[in-house]
Amino acid sequence: MKIKQLFFDSPKVLGAVDKATRKVFSRFGAFVRRTAKGSIRKRKKESAPGSPPSSHTGLLKRFIFFSFDPSRKSVVIGPMRLTENNRGDAPSALEYGGTATVDKKTVNIRSRPFMGPAFEKEKPTLPQLWKNSVK
């Protein structure tokens, strides 16, 4: 047996690790997305600052996505930048607080986090997703 065969840098092992990483992070992204979408309630009334935002039109809830980034071996999870009626900065302003332009008016928004709490809620599931993932 060659000594080189005993190292973990063989293409087969690295390929298995890359495949497991993609699978685990994609599942984790799906879980965080589901939790974030579930925290946003559809109602006419605005939510209280510090709690997840209300969905008045359904756009925010509909445009939360996740994607595995193979170059960084990570997952990106969050709302897509909205451009309808100049609401591009609204998702960020909802998460962190700030200003957003709505119907040609600039409004101040106090934070109504939904992605951070969803991430924190799902973070404990990550070790279980990794368990026996490399095959």
Protein backbone atom coordinates (compact mmCIF):
# COMPACT_ATOMS: atom_id res chain seq x y z
CA MET A 1 0.00 0.00 0.00
CA LYS A 2 1.31 3.42 -0.86
CA ILE A 3 1.63 5.98 1.93
CA LYS A 4 -0.10 8.59 -0.26
CA GLN A 5 -3.32 6.55 -0.16
CA LEU A 6 -3.55 7.04 3.61
CA PHE A 7 -3.94 10.83 3.46
CA PHE A 8 -7.31 12.56 3.49
CA ASP A 9 -6.55 14.79 0.51
CA SER A 10 -7.46 12.19 -2.07
CA PRO A 11 -9.96 13.47 -4.67
CA LYS A 12 -12.53 10.91 -3.55
CA VAL A 13 -12.49 12.12 0.07
CA LEU A 14 -12.48 15.79 -0.91
CA GLY A 15 -15.35 15.17 -3.31
CA ALA A 16 -17.37 13.46 -0.57
CA VAL A 17 -16.73 16.36 1.82
CA ASP A 18 -17.75 18.92 -0.82
CA LYS A 19 -20.93 16.99 -1.60
CA ALA A 20 -21.81 16.72 2.11
CA THR A 21 -21.10 20.43 2.65
CA ARG A 22 -23.41 21.39 -0.21
CA LYS A 23 -26.15 19.09 1.08
CA VAL A 24 -25.91 20.17 4.74
CA PHE A 25 -25.76 23.89 4.01
CA SER A 26 -28.60 23.67 1.49
CA ARG A 27 -30.79 21.89 4.04
CA PHE A 28 -29.84 24.41 6.72
CA GLY A 29 -30.69 27.27 4.32
CA ALA A 30 -34.08 25.70 3.66
CA PHE A 31 -34.76 25.40 7.39
CA VAL A 32 -33.82 29.02 8.11
CA ARG A 33 -35.88 30.21 5.13
CA ARG A 34 -38.93 28.25 6.32
CA THR A 35 -38.59 29.60 9.87
CA ALA A 36 -38.18 33.19 8.65
CA LYS A 37 -41.19 32.94 6.34
CA GLY A 38 -43.26 31.39 9.13
CA SER A 39 -42.46 34.27 11.47
CA ILE A 40 -43.94 36.86 9.10
CA ARG A 41 -47.68 37.15 9.62
CA LYS A 42 -50.06 38.41 6.96
CA ARG A 43 -52.10 41.23 8.46
CA LYS A 44 -52.99 44.85 7.82
CA LYS A 45 -51.71 46.14 11.15
CA GLU A 46 -47.98 46.89 11.48
CA SER A 47 -45.96 44.74 13.83
CA ALA A 48 -44.39 45.98 17.02
CA PRO A 49 -40.73 47.04 16.79
CA GLY A 50 -38.48 44.14 17.74
CA SER A 51 -40.92 41.49 16.51
CA PRO A 52 -41.02 40.04 12.97
CA PRO A 53 -42.63 42.31 10.37
CA SER A 54 -46.17 42.02 9.10
CA SER A 55 -46.74 41.10 5.49
CA HIS A 56 -49.13 43.53 3.88
CA THR A 57 -48.59 42.60 0.22
CA GLY A 58 -46.88 39.22 0.56
CA LEU A 59 -43.75 40.35 -1.31
CA LEU A 60 -41.32 40.01 1.58
CA LYS A 61 -42.47 36.51 2.44
CA ARG A 62 -42.46 35.42 -1.21
CA PHE A 63 -38.94 36.67 -1.96
CA ILE A 64 -36.91 35.02 0.80
CA PHE A 65 -34.42 32.63 -0.81
CA PHE A 66 -31.29 30.65 -0.02
CA SER A 67 -28.40 29.60 -2.20
CA PHE A 68 -25.27 27.54 -1.64
CA ASP A 69 -22.12 29.41 -2.67
CA PRO A 70 -19.62 26.74 -3.81
CA SER A 71 -16.66 29.13 -4.05
CA ARG A 72 -16.98 30.09 -0.38
CA LYS A 73 -18.54 26.82 0.75
CA SER A 74 -21.30 28.69 2.55
CA VAL A 75 -24.99 29.40 2.25
CA VAL A 76 -26.59 32.80 1.67
CA ILE A 77 -30.08 33.17 3.13
CA GLY A 78 -32.31 36.21 3.00
CA PRO A 79 -34.78 38.36 1.12
CA MET A 80 -34.09 39.34 -2.44
CA ARG A 81 -33.69 43.04 -3.04
CA LEU A 82 -37.13 44.31 -4.01
CA THR A 83 -37.39 46.86 -6.79
CA GLU A 84 -41.14 47.23 -7.14
CA ASN A 85 -42.17 50.79 -6.12
CA ASN A 86 -38.58 51.57 -5.03
CA ARG A 87 -38.72 49.21 -2.04
CA GLY A 88 -35.19 47.90 -2.58
CA ASP A 89 -33.90 48.92 0.83
CA ALA A 90 -36.99 47.90 2.81
CA PRO A 91 -35.93 44.31 3.73
CA SER A 92 -32.64 45.56 5.20
CA ALA A 93 -34.39 48.39 7.02
CA LEU A 94 -36.87 45.92 8.49
CA GLU A 95 -34.12 43.62 9.75
CA TYR A 96 -31.78 46.27 11.16
CA GLY A 97 -33.82 49.48 11.28
CA GLY A 98 -33.15 52.53 9.13
CA THR A 99 -34.82 54.39 6.32
CA ALA A 100 -36.69 53.15 3.28
CA THR A 101 -38.38 54.84 0.37
CA VAL A 102 -42.06 53.96 0.07
CA ASP A 103 -44.25 55.62 -2.55
CA LYS A 104 -41.65 58.37 -3.12
CA LYS A 105 -41.50 59.14 0.61
CA THR A 106 -38.59 58.36 2.90
CA VAL A 107 -39.73 56.75 6.14
CA ASN A 108 -37.84 55.74 9.29
CA ILE A 109 -38.29 52.11 10.26
CA ARG A 110 -37.46 50.65 13.65
CA SER A 111 -35.97 47.17 13.45
CA ARG A 112 -38.25 44.19 13.05
CA PRO A 113 -35.75 41.33 12.76
CA PHE A 114 -36.83 38.13 11.08
CA MET A 115 -33.72 36.57 9.50
CA GLY A 116 -31.41 36.80 12.53
CA PRO A 117 -33.89 35.15 14.90
CA ALA A 118 -34.66 32.45 12.32
CA PHE A 119 -30.93 31.72 11.97
CA GLU A 120 -30.44 31.56 15.74
CA LYS A 121 -33.46 29.28 16.14
CA GLU A 122 -32.16 26.81 13.52
CA LYS A 123 -28.46 26.97 14.48
CA PRO A 124 -28.73 24.15 17.06
CA THR A 125 -29.87 21.76 14.27
CA LEU A 126 -26.57 22.15 12.39
CA PRO A 127 -24.53 19.53 14.31
CA GLN A 128 -27.24 16.93 13.71
CA LEU A 129 -27.24 17.74 9.98
CA TRP A 130 -23.48 17.13 9.85
CA LYS A 131 -23.73 13.81 11.70
CA ASN A 132 -22.86 10.97 9.28
CA SER A 133 -23.07 13.35 6.30
CA VAL A 134 -19.71 12.45 4.71
CA LYS A 135 -20.08 9.10 2.99
